[in-house]
C-alpha atoms as a PDB file:
ATOM      1  CA  MET A   1      12.088   4.746  -4.677  1.00  0.00           C
ATOM      2  CA  CYS A   2      11.079   2.117  -2.141  1.00  0.00           C
ATOM      3  CA  LEU A   3       7.729   2.130  -0.412  1.00  0.00           C
ATOM      4  CA  ALA A   4       6.648   0.264   2.711  1.00  0.00           C
ATOM      5  CA  PHE A   5       2.985  -0.198   3.609  1.00  0.00           C
ATOM      6  CA  PRO A   6       1.601  -0.227   7.151  1.00  0.00           C
ATOM      7  CA  MET A   7      -0.289  -3.461   7.749  1.00  0.00           C
ATOM      8  CA  LYS A   8      -1.831  -5.122  10.810  1.00  0.00           C
ATOM      9  CA  ILE A   9      -0.741  -8.600  11.872  1.00  0.00           C
ATOM     10  CA  ILE A  10      -3.849 -10.780  12.026  1.00  0.00           C
ATOM     11  CA  ASN A  11      -2.163 -14.171  12.421  1.00  0.00           C
ATOM     12  CA  LYS A  12       1.328 -15.267  13.365  1.00  0.00           C
ATOM     13  CA  ASP A  13       3.083 -18.613  12.941  1.00  0.00           C
ATOM     14  CA  GLY A  14       6.720 -18.519  13.989  1.00  0.00           C
ATOM     15  CA  HIS A  15       8.587 -16.153  11.664  1.00  0.00           C
ATOM     16  CA  SER A  16       5.631 -15.842   9.269  1.00  0.00           C
ATOM     17  CA  ALA A  17       2.515 -13.740   9.579  1.00  0.00           C
ATOM     18  CA  THR A  18      -0.664 -12.842   7.786  1.00  0.00           C
ATOM     19  CA  VAL A  19      -1.135  -9.092   7.590  1.00  0.00           C
ATOM     20  CA  GLU A  20      -4.080  -6.972   6.429  1.00  0.00           C
ATOM     21  CA  ALA A  21      -4.742  -3.437   5.258  1.00  0.00           C
ATOM     22  CA  GLY A  22      -7.664  -2.058   3.291  1.00  0.00           C
ATOM     23  CA  GLY A  23      -9.237  -5.475   2.855  1.00  0.00           C
ATOM     24  CA  VAL A  24      -6.072  -6.946   1.329  1.00  0.00           C
ATOM     25  CA  SER A  25      -4.195  -9.673   3.184  1.00  0.00           C
ATOM     26  CA  ARG A  26      -0.889 -11.321   2.449  1.00  0.00           C
ATOM     27  CA  GLU A  27       1.728 -13.604   3.959  1.00  0.00           C
ATOM     28  CA  ILE A  28       4.965 -11.954   5.073  1.00  0.00           C
ATOM     29  CA  SER A  29       8.172 -12.768   6.905  1.00  0.00           C
ATOM     30  CA  LEU A  30       8.906 -11.436  10.397  1.00  0.00           C
ATOM     31  CA  ARG A  31      12.577 -12.462  10.317  1.00  0.00           C
ATOM     32  CA  LEU A  32      13.851  -8.852  10.208  1.00  0.00           C
ATOM     33  CA  ILE A  33      12.099  -7.675  13.384  1.00  0.00           C
ATOM     34  CA  GLU A  34      11.637  -8.994  16.894  1.00  0.00           C
ATOM     35  CA  ASP A  35       8.643  -9.102  19.209  1.00  0.00           C
ATOM     36  CA  ALA A  36       5.890  -8.370  16.672  1.00  0.00           C
ATOM     37  CA  GLY A  37       2.625 -10.058  17.507  1.00  0.00           C
ATOM     38  CA  VAL A  38      -0.996 -10.346  16.500  1.00  0.00           C
ATOM     39  CA  GLY A  39      -2.619  -6.921  16.567  1.00  0.00           C
ATOM     40  CA  ASP A  40       0.628  -5.028  15.970  1.00  0.00           C
ATOM     41  CA  TYR A  41       1.143  -2.796  12.938  1.00  0.00           C
ATOM     42  CA  VAL A  42       4.268  -3.264  10.863  1.00  0.00           C
ATOM     43  CA  LEU A  43       5.755  -1.604   7.804  1.00  0.00           C
ATOM     44  CA  VAL A  44       5.910  -4.172   4.993  1.00  0.00           C
ATOM     45  CA  HIS A  45       8.346  -3.996   2.086  1.00  0.00           C
ATOM     46  CA  ALA A  46       9.044  -6.765  -0.430  1.00  0.00           C
ATOM     47  CA  GLY A  47       7.297  -9.388   1.700  1.00  0.00           C
ATOM     48  CA  PHE A  48       9.149  -8.534   4.927  1.00  0.00           C
ATOM     49  CA  ALA A  49       8.090  -6.622   8.013  1.00  0.00           C
ATOM     50  CA  ILE A  50      10.849  -4.066   8.438  1.00  0.00           C
ATOM     51  CA  GLU A  51       9.621  -2.077  11.445  1.00  0.00           C
ATOM     52  CA  THR A  52       6.868  -2.065  14.061  1.00  0.00           C
ATOM     53  CA  ILE A  53       4.829   1.151  14.239  1.00  0.00           C
ATOM     54  CA  ASP A  54       2.041   2.345  16.506  1.00  0.00           C
ATOM     55  CA  GLU A  55      -1.591   2.150  15.405  1.00  0.00           C
ATOM     56  CA  HIS A  56      -2.071   5.925  15.160  1.00  0.00           C
ATOM     57  CA  GLU A  57       0.915   6.323  12.824  1.00  0.00           C
ATOM     58  CA  ALA A  58      -0.289   3.370  10.722  1.00  0.00           C
ATOM     59  CA  GLN A  59      -3.813   4.807  10.384  1.00  0.00           C
ATOM     60  CA  GLU A  60      -2.507   8.278   9.485  1.00  0.00           C
ATOM     61  CA  THR A  61      -0.207   6.822   6.819  1.00  0.00           C
ATOM     62  CA  LEU A  62      -3.024   4.729   5.343  1.00  0.00           C
ATOM     63  CA  LYS A  63      -5.268   7.815   5.177  1.00  0.00           C
ATOM     64  CA  LEU A  64      -2.550   9.748   3.352  1.00  0.00           C
ATOM     65  CA  MET A  65      -2.058   6.899   0.893  1.00  0.00           C
ATOM     66  CA  GLU A  66      -5.799   6.849   0.183  1.00  0.00           C
ATOM     67  CA  GLN A  67      -5.761  10.595  -0.458  1.00  0.00           C
ATOM     68  CA  ILE A  68      -2.822  10.252  -2.850  1.00  0.00           C
ATOM     69  CA  ALA A  69      -4.652   7.496  -4.750  1.00  0.00           C
ATOM     70  CA  LEU A  70      -7.761   9.689  -5.054  1.00  0.00           C
ATOM     71  CA  LEU A  71      -5.694  12.596  -6.349  1.00  0.00           C
ATOM     72  CA  GLN A  72      -4.043  10.359  -8.931  1.00  0.00           C
ATOM     73  CA  GLU A  73      -7.441   9.089 -10.077  1.00  0.00           C
ATOM     74  CA  ASP A  74      -8.677  12.663 -10.368  1.00  0.00           C
ATOM     75  CA  ASP A  75      -5.648  13.624 -12.482  1.00  0.00           C
ATOM     76  CA  GLU A  76      -6.181  10.628 -14.773  1.00  0.00           C
ATOM     77  CA  ILE A  77      -9.819  11.622 -15.367  1.00  0.00           C
ATOM     78  CA  ARG A  78      -8.815  15.117 -16.463  1.00  0.00           C
END
C-alpha cells in the first residue's frame, strides 16, 4: 500500500521545495505537478509532490492520521 502525506510548501526553489507538516520539514521535488507555490498544500509520496490539495482537505487528512496514530498507540499499550 502506498501512502501520501499532505504537507504545506514553505519554500520553493525552481522544481524543489521545502514542505512542512506536524513540525517535520523535508525537501521534495515538484517536477510531477505544475503551478504549486509557497503556501499551497501538496500530497507527498517518495519525495515527490504528486497532487495539489486545498487546505481544508489537508487539515482533515492530517487530523485523521493523528487519530489513527493515537489508536495504534492505545492498541500497543493494551
